[in-house]
Amino acid sequence: MFPEFRGLITDLKGQDPRFSRLFQRHNELDQEIKNMELGLVPAGGVLIEQLKKEKLLVKDQLYSILRKASMS
């Protein structure tokens, strides 16, 4: 995710608690979705879609923080 910001991501994870929480949540959602799609965790399509929407929202928030930080 966002390879062009790899160094900045590392910095922000150590310096910005909000960014760190969002980054962790994105990874948790990603793993949850993968487990559901593989059938390792029972879930319906509606739940998977809700989690995908939440993941996209978190990703948008992360990107916004990264863009702002890269401009300063």
PDB file of N, CA and C in Angstrom:
ATOM      1  N   MET A   1       0.838  -1.176   0.000  1.00  0.00           N
ATOM      2  CA  MET A   1       0.000   0.000   0.000  1.00  0.00           C
ATOM      3  C   MET A   1       0.886   1.242   0.000  1.00  0.00           C
ATOM      4  N   PHE A   2       0.679   2.098  -0.958  1.00  0.00           N
ATOM      5  CA  PHE A   2       1.388   3.363  -1.107  1.00  0.00           C
ATOM      6  C   PHE A   2       2.915   3.200  -1.100  1.00  0.00           C
ATOM      7  N   PRO A   3       3.466   2.443  -2.041  1.00  0.00           N
ATOM      8  CA  PRO A   3       4.919   2.241  -2.051  1.00  0.00           C
ATOM      9  C   PRO A   3       5.700   3.544  -2.203  1.00  0.00           C
ATOM     10  N   GLU A   4       5.097   4.541  -2.811  1.00  0.00           N
ATOM     11  CA  GLU A   4       5.790   5.814  -2.989  1.00  0.00           C
ATOM     12  C   GLU A   4       5.995   6.558  -1.666  1.00  0.00           C
ATOM     13  N   PHE A   5       5.278   6.121  -0.622  1.00  0.00           N
ATOM     14  CA  PHE A   5       5.376   6.756   0.692  1.00  0.00           C
ATOM     15  C   PHE A   5       6.009   5.822   1.734  1.00  0.00           C
ATOM     16  N   ARG A   6       6.714   4.800   1.287  1.00  0.00           N
ATOM     17  CA  ARG A   6       7.224   3.778   2.206  1.00  0.00           C
ATOM     18  C   ARG A   6       8.001   4.377   3.388  1.00  0.00           C
ATOM     19  N   GLY A   7       8.933   5.260   3.117  1.00  0.00           N
ATOM     20  CA  GLY A   7       9.727   5.869   4.190  1.00  0.00           C
ATOM     21  C   GLY A   7       8.883   6.735   5.105  1.00  0.00           C
ATOM     22  N   LEU A   8       7.981   7.494   4.507  1.00  0.00           N
ATOM     23  CA  LEU A   8       7.108   8.366   5.290  1.00  0.00           C
ATOM     24  C   LEU A   8       6.178   7.542   6.179  1.00  0.00           C
ATOM     25  N   ILE A   9       5.696   6.420   5.668  1.00  0.00           N
ATOM     26  CA  ILE A   9       4.836   5.538   6.462  1.00  0.00           C
ATOM     27  C   ILE A   9       5.577   5.068   7.708  1.00  0.00           C
ATOM     28  N   THR A  10       6.818   4.652   7.524  1.00  0.00           N
ATOM     29  CA  THR A  10       7.629   4.199   8.657  1.00  0.00           C
ATOM     30  C   THR A  10       7.771   5.312   9.688  1.00  0.00           C
ATOM     31  N   ASP A  11       8.061   6.515   9.219  1.00  0.00           N
ATOM     32  CA  ASP A  11       8.204   7.659  10.126  1.00  0.00           C
ATOM     33  C   ASP A  11       6.904   7.953  10.868  1.00  0.00           C
ATOM     34  N   LEU A  12       5.809   8.001  10.127  1.00  0.00           N
ATOM     35  CA  LEU A  12       4.526   8.356  10.744  1.00  0.00           C
ATOM     36  C   LEU A  12       4.039   7.292  11.724  1.00  0.00           C
ATOM     37  N   LYS A  13       4.321   6.032  11.432  1.00  0.00           N
ATOM     38  CA  LYS A  13       3.914   4.978  12.374  1.00  0.00           C
ATOM     39  C   LYS A  13       4.583   5.168  13.724  1.00  0.00           C
ATOM     40  N   GLY A  14       5.790   5.715  13.729  1.00  0.00           N
ATOM     41  CA  GLY A  14       6.510   5.937  14.975  1.00  0.00           C
ATOM     42  C   GLY A  14       6.220   7.278  15.624  1.00  0.00           C
ATOM     43  N   GLN A  15       5.692   8.229  14.854  1.00  0.00           N
ATOM     44  CA  GLN A  15       5.516   9.588  15.362  1.00  0.00           C
ATOM     45  C   GLN A  15       4.064  10.025  15.541  1.00  0.00           C
ATOM     46  N   ASP A  16       3.154   9.432  14.790  1.00  0.00           N
ATOM     47  CA  ASP A  16       1.760   9.890  14.781  1.00  0.00           C
ATOM     48  C   ASP A  16       0.846   8.764  15.264  1.00  0.00           C
ATOM     49  N   PRO A  17       0.357   8.863  16.515  1.00  0.00           N
ATOM     50  CA  PRO A  17      -0.476   7.782  17.059  1.00  0.00           C
ATOM     51  C   PRO A  17      -1.744   7.523  16.229  1.00  0.00           C
ATOM     52  N   ARG A  18      -2.353   8.575  15.692  1.00  0.00           N
ATOM     53  CA  ARG A  18      -3.567   8.396  14.883  1.00  0.00           C
ATOM     54  C   ARG A  18      -3.237   7.616  13.609  1.00  0.00           C
ATOM     55  N   PHE A  19      -2.159   8.005  12.951  1.00  0.00           N
ATOM     56  CA  PHE A  19      -1.747   7.292  11.744  1.00  0.00           C
ATOM     57  C   PHE A  19      -1.455   5.832  12.063  1.00  0.00           C
ATOM     58  N   SER A  20      -0.749   5.604  13.143  1.00  0.00           N
ATOM     59  CA  SER A  20      -0.405   4.250  13.551  1.00  0.00           C
ATOM     60  C   SER A  20      -1.657   3.403  13.793  1.00  0.00           C
ATOM     61  N   ARG A  21      -2.645   3.967  14.482  1.00  0.00           N
ATOM     62  CA  ARG A  21      -3.906   3.245  14.736  1.00  0.00           C
ATOM     63  C   ARG A  21      -4.633   2.935  13.436  1.00  0.00           C
ATOM     64  N   LEU A  22      -4.701   3.921  12.536  1.00  0.00           N
ATOM     65  CA  LEU A  22      -5.371   3.708  11.257  1.00  0.00           C
ATOM     66  C   LEU A  22      -4.650   2.643  10.432  1.00  0.00           C
ATOM     67  N   PHE A  23      -3.335   2.691  10.423  1.00  0.00           N
ATOM     68  CA  PHE A  23      -2.541   1.720   9.676  1.00  0.00           C
ATOM     69  C   PHE A  23      -2.789   0.310  10.210  1.00  0.00           C
ATOM     70  N   GLN A  24      -2.801   0.185  11.520  1.00  0.00           N
ATOM     71  CA  GLN A  24      -3.059  -1.118  12.142  1.00  0.00           C
ATOM     72  C   GLN A  24      -4.477  -1.601  11.819  1.00  0.00           C
ATOM     73  N   ARG A  25      -5.442  -0.693  11.890  1.00  0.00           N
ATOM     74  CA  ARG A  25      -6.829  -1.065  11.588  1.00  0.00           C
ATOM     75  C   ARG A  25      -6.957  -1.529  10.137  1.00  0.00           C
ATOM     76  N   HIS A  26      -6.287  -0.850   9.220  1.00  0.00           N
ATOM     77  CA  HIS A  26      -6.334  -1.238   7.812  1.00  0.00           C
ATOM     78  C   HIS A  26      -5.798  -2.662   7.641  1.00  0.00           C
ATOM     79  N   ASN A  27      -4.683  -2.954   8.295  1.00  0.00           N
ATOM     80  CA  ASN A  27      -4.107  -4.298   8.199  1.00  0.00           C
ATOM     81  C   ASN A  27      -5.026  -5.351   8.813  1.00  0.00           C
ATOM     82  N   GLU A  28      -5.669  -5.011   9.938  1.00  0.00           N
ATOM     83  CA  GLU A  28      -6.609  -5.939  10.572  1.00  0.00           C
ATOM     84  C   GLU A  28      -7.786  -6.229   9.650  1.00  0.00           C
ATOM     85  N   LEU A  29      -8.335  -5.185   9.051  1.00  0.00           N
ATOM     86  CA  LEU A  29      -9.463  -5.357   8.136  1.00  0.00           C
ATOM     87  C   LEU A  29      -9.055  -6.198   6.937  1.00  0.00           C
ATOM     88  N   ASP A  30      -7.872  -5.939   6.401  1.00  0.00           N
ATOM     89  CA  ASP A  30      -7.380  -6.689   5.253  1.00  0.00           C
ATOM     90  C   ASP A  30      -7.310  -8.179   5.571  1.00  0.00           C
ATOM     91  N   GLN A  31      -6.765  -8.506   6.733  1.00  0.00           N
ATOM     92  CA  GLN A  31      -6.643  -9.907   7.126  1.00  0.00           C
ATOM     93  C   GLN A  31      -8.015 -10.538   7.373  1.00  0.00           C
ATOM     94  N   GLU A  32      -8.900  -9.785   8.028  1.00  0.00           N
ATOM     95  CA  GLU A  32     -10.256 -10.283   8.282  1.00  0.00           C
ATOM     96  C   GLU A  32     -10.967 -10.612   6.973  1.00  0.00           C
ATOM     97  N   ILE A  33     -10.882  -9.707   6.025  1.00  0.00           N
ATOM     98  CA  ILE A  33     -11.535  -9.905   4.725  1.00  0.00           C
ATOM     99  C   ILE A  33     -10.955 -11.119   4.023  1.00  0.00           C
ATOM    100  N   LYS A  34      -9.631 -11.237   4.008  1.00  0.00           N
ATOM    101  CA  LYS A  34      -8.990 -12.393   3.363  1.00  0.00           C
ATOM    102  C   LYS A  34      -9.458 -13.695   3.995  1.00  0.00           C
ATOM    103  N   ASN A  35      -9.501 -13.739   5.324  1.00  0.00           N
ATOM    104  CA  ASN A  35      -9.938 -14.958   6.020  1.00  0.00           C
ATOM    105  C   ASN A  35     -11.375 -15.310   5.679  1.00  0.00           C
ATOM    106  N   MET A  36     -12.232 -14.307   5.562  1.00  0.00           N
ATOM    107  CA  MET A  36     -13.635 -14.554   5.215  1.00  0.00           C
ATOM    108  C   MET A  36     -13.766 -15.031   3.775  1.00  0.00           C
ATOM    109  N   GLU A  37     -13.023 -14.406   2.878  1.00  0.00           N
ATOM    110  CA  GLU A  37     -13.109 -14.792   1.469  1.00  0.00           C
ATOM    111  C   GLU A  37     -12.546 -16.199   1.231  1.00  0.00           C
ATOM    112  N   LEU A  38     -11.589 -16.606   2.053  1.00  0.00           N
ATOM    113  CA  LEU A  38     -11.030 -17.953   1.936  1.00  0.00           C
ATOM    114  C   LEU A  38     -11.880 -19.008   2.649  1.00  0.00           C
ATOM    115  N   GLY A  39     -12.899 -18.556   3.379  1.00  0.00           N
ATOM    116  CA  GLY A  39     -13.762 -19.478   4.093  1.00  0.00           C
ATOM    117  C   GLY A  39     -13.208 -19.916   5.432  1.00  0.00           C
ATOM    118  N   LEU A  40     -12.137 -19.276   5.887  1.00  0.00           N
ATOM    119  CA  LEU A  40     -11.561 -19.627   7.188  1.00  0.00           C
ATOM    120  C   LEU A  40     -12.413 -19.105   8.332  1.00  0.00           C
ATOM    121  N   VAL A  41     -13.143 -18.036   8.068  1.00  0.00           N
ATOM    122  CA  VAL A  41     -14.051 -17.432   9.044  1.00  0.00           C
ATOM    123  C   VAL A  41     -15.403 -17.307   8.356  1.00  0.00           C
ATOM    124  N   PRO A  42     -16.452 -17.846   8.967  1.00  0.00           N
ATOM    125  CA  PRO A  42     -17.760 -17.756   8.323  1.00  0.00           C
ATOM    126  C   PRO A  42     -18.259 -16.312   8.270  1.00  0.00           C
ATOM    127  N   ALA A  43     -18.759 -15.925   7.102  1.00  0.00           N
ATOM    128  CA  ALA A  43     -19.294 -14.569   6.935  1.00  0.00           C
ATOM    129  C   ALA A  43     -20.115 -14.517   5.664  1.00  0.00           C
ATOM    130  N   GLY A  44     -21.105 -13.646   5.678  1.00  0.00           N
ATOM    131  CA  GLY A  44     -21.915 -13.441   4.493  1.00  0.00           C
ATOM    132  C   GLY A  44     -21.338 -12.333   3.639  1.00  0.00           C
ATOM    133  N   GLY A  45     -21.844 -12.242   2.436  1.00  0.00           N
ATOM    134  CA  GLY A  45     -21.373 -11.232   1.497  1.00  0.00           C
ATOM    135  C   GLY A  45     -21.591  -9.817   1.987  1.00  0.00           C
ATOM    136  N   VAL A  46     -22.682  -9.601   2.726  1.00  0.00           N
ATOM    137  CA  VAL A  46     -22.981  -8.255   3.223  1.00  0.00           C
ATOM    138  C   VAL A  46     -21.910  -7.803   4.211  1.00  0.00           C
ATOM    139  N   LEU A  47     -21.515  -8.685   5.115  1.00  0.00           N
ATOM    140  CA  LEU A  47     -20.486  -8.337   6.096  1.00  0.00           C
ATOM    141  C   LEU A  47     -19.153  -8.050   5.402  1.00  0.00           C
ATOM    142  N   ILE A  48     -18.807  -8.861   4.439  1.00  0.00           N
ATOM    143  CA  ILE A  48     -17.556  -8.657   3.712  1.00  0.00           C
ATOM    144  C   ILE A  48     -17.580  -7.301   3.018  1.00  0.00           C
ATOM    145  N   GLU A  49     -18.694  -6.962   2.398  1.00  0.00           N
ATOM    146  CA  GLU A  49     -18.802  -5.668   1.720  1.00  0.00           C
ATOM    147  C   GLU A  49     -18.692  -4.507   2.706  1.00  0.00           C
ATOM    148  N   GLN A  50     -19.283  -4.656   3.880  1.00  0.00           N
ATOM    149  CA  GLN A  50     -19.178  -3.603   4.895  1.00  0.00           C
ATOM    150  C   GLN A  50     -17.728  -3.409   5.328  1.00  0.00           C
ATOM    151  N   LEU A  51     -17.031  -4.509   5.532  1.00  0.00           N
ATOM    152  CA  LEU A  51     -15.628  -4.431   5.932  1.00  0.00           C
ATOM    153  C   LEU A  51     -14.772  -3.821   4.826  1.00  0.00           C
ATOM    154  N   LYS A  52     -15.077  -4.148   3.577  1.00  0.00           N
ATOM    155  CA  LYS A  52     -14.331  -3.564   2.461  1.00  0.00           C
ATOM    156  C   LYS A  52     -14.552  -2.058   2.395  1.00  0.00           C
ATOM    157  N   LYS A  53     -15.770  -1.621   2.665  1.00  0.00           N
ATOM    158  CA  LYS A  53     -16.055  -0.180   2.670  1.00  0.00           C
ATOM    159  C   LYS A  53     -15.317   0.512   3.807  1.00  0.00           C
ATOM    160  N   GLU A  54     -15.287  -0.111   4.974  1.00  0.00           N
ATOM    161  CA  GLU A  54     -14.546   0.459   6.101  1.00  0.00           C
ATOM    162  C   GLU A  54     -13.057   0.526   5.769  1.00  0.00           C
ATOM    163  N   LYS A  55     -12.529  -0.526   5.168  1.00  0.00           N
ATOM    164  CA  LYS A  55     -11.116  -0.562   4.800  1.00  0.00           C
ATOM    165  C   LYS A  55     -10.785   0.558   3.813  1.00  0.00           C
ATOM    166  N   LEU A  56     -11.663   0.788   2.857  1.00  0.00           N
ATOM    167  CA  LEU A  56     -11.445   1.851   1.885  1.00  0.00           C
ATOM    168  C   LEU A  56     -11.471   3.228   2.552  1.00  0.00           C
ATOM    169  N   LEU A  57     -12.370   3.419   3.493  1.00  0.00           N
ATOM    170  CA  LEU A  57     -12.434   4.677   4.236  1.00  0.00           C
ATOM    171  C   LEU A  57     -11.139   4.910   5.015  1.00  0.00           C
ATOM    172  N   VAL A  58     -10.657   3.871   5.677  1.00  0.00           N
ATOM    173  CA  VAL A  58      -9.407   3.973   6.437  1.00  0.00           C
ATOM    174  C   VAL A  58      -8.250   4.277   5.486  1.00  0.00           C
ATOM    175  N   LYS A  59      -8.234   3.617   4.336  1.00  0.00           N
ATOM    176  CA  LYS A  59      -7.174   3.853   3.355  1.00  0.00           C
ATOM    177  C   LYS A  59      -7.194   5.304   2.879  1.00  0.00           C
ATOM    178  N   ASP A  60      -8.376   5.842   2.643  1.00  0.00           N
ATOM    179  CA  ASP A  60      -8.502   7.247   2.242  1.00  0.00           C
ATOM    180  C   ASP A  60      -7.959   8.177   3.320  1.00  0.00           C
ATOM    181  N   GLN A  61      -8.238   7.865   4.567  1.00  0.00           N
ATOM    182  CA  GLN A  61      -7.744   8.683   5.675  1.00  0.00           C
ATOM    183  C   GLN A  61      -6.217   8.615   5.753  1.00  0.00           C
ATOM    184  N   LEU A  62      -5.671   7.428   5.580  1.00  0.00           N
ATOM    185  CA  LEU A  62      -4.213   7.268   5.579  1.00  0.00           C
ATOM    186  C   LEU A  62      -3.583   8.073   4.453  1.00  0.00           C
ATOM    187  N   TYR A  63      -4.177   7.998   3.272  1.00  0.00           N
ATOM    188  CA  TYR A  63      -3.638   8.715   2.122  1.00  0.00           C
ATOM    189  C   TYR A  63      -3.665  10.222   2.354  1.00  0.00           C
ATOM    190  N   SER A  64      -4.720  10.690   2.944  1.00  0.00           N
ATOM    191  CA  SER A  64      -4.838  12.118   3.236  1.00  0.00           C
ATOM    192  C   SER A  64      -3.714  12.574   4.183  1.00  0.00           C
ATOM    193  N   ILE A  65      -3.473  11.788   5.213  1.00  0.00           N
ATOM    194  CA  ILE A  65      -2.400  12.109   6.163  1.00  0.00           C
ATOM    195  C   ILE A  65      -1.044  12.076   5.458  1.00  0.00           C
ATOM    196  N   LEU A  66      -0.823  11.089   4.613  1.00  0.00           N
ATOM    197  CA  LEU A  66       0.437  10.971   3.897  1.00  0.00           C
ATOM    198  C   LEU A  66       0.660  12.149   2.951  1.00  0.00           C
ATOM    199  N   ARG A  67      -0.369  12.549   2.236  1.00  0.00           N
ATOM    200  CA  ARG A  67      -0.229  13.684   1.330  1.00  0.00           C
ATOM    201  C   ARG A  67       0.114  14.963   2.070  1.00  0.00           C
ATOM    202  N   LYS A  68      -0.580  15.201   3.185  1.00  0.00           N
ATOM    203  CA  LYS A  68      -0.302  16.395   3.979  1.00  0.00           C
ATOM    204  C   LYS A  68       1.129  16.366   4.516  1.00  0.00           C
ATOM    205  N   ALA A  69       1.544  15.221   5.015  1.00  0.00           N
ATOM    206  CA  ALA A  69       2.893  15.105   5.591  1.00  0.00           C
ATOM    207  C   ALA A  69       3.973  15.247   4.508  1.00  0.00           C
ATOM    208  N   SER A  70       3.683  14.792   3.317  1.00  0.00           N
ATOM    209  CA  SER A  70       4.684  14.865   2.242  1.00  0.00           C
ATOM    210  C   SER A  70       4.847  16.283   1.717  1.00  0.00           C
ATOM    211  N   MET A  71       3.870  17.121   1.952  1.00  0.00           N
ATOM    212  CA  MET A  71       3.940  18.511   1.480  1.00  0.00           C
ATOM    213  C   MET A  71       4.620  19.436   2.479  1.00  0.00           C
ATOM    214  N   SER A  72       4.837  18.940   3.684  1.00  0.00           N
ATOM    215  CA  SER A  72       5.457  19.816   4.698  1.00  0.00           C
ATOM    216  C   SER A  72       6.938  19.588   4.818  1.00  0.00           C
TER     217      SER A  72
END
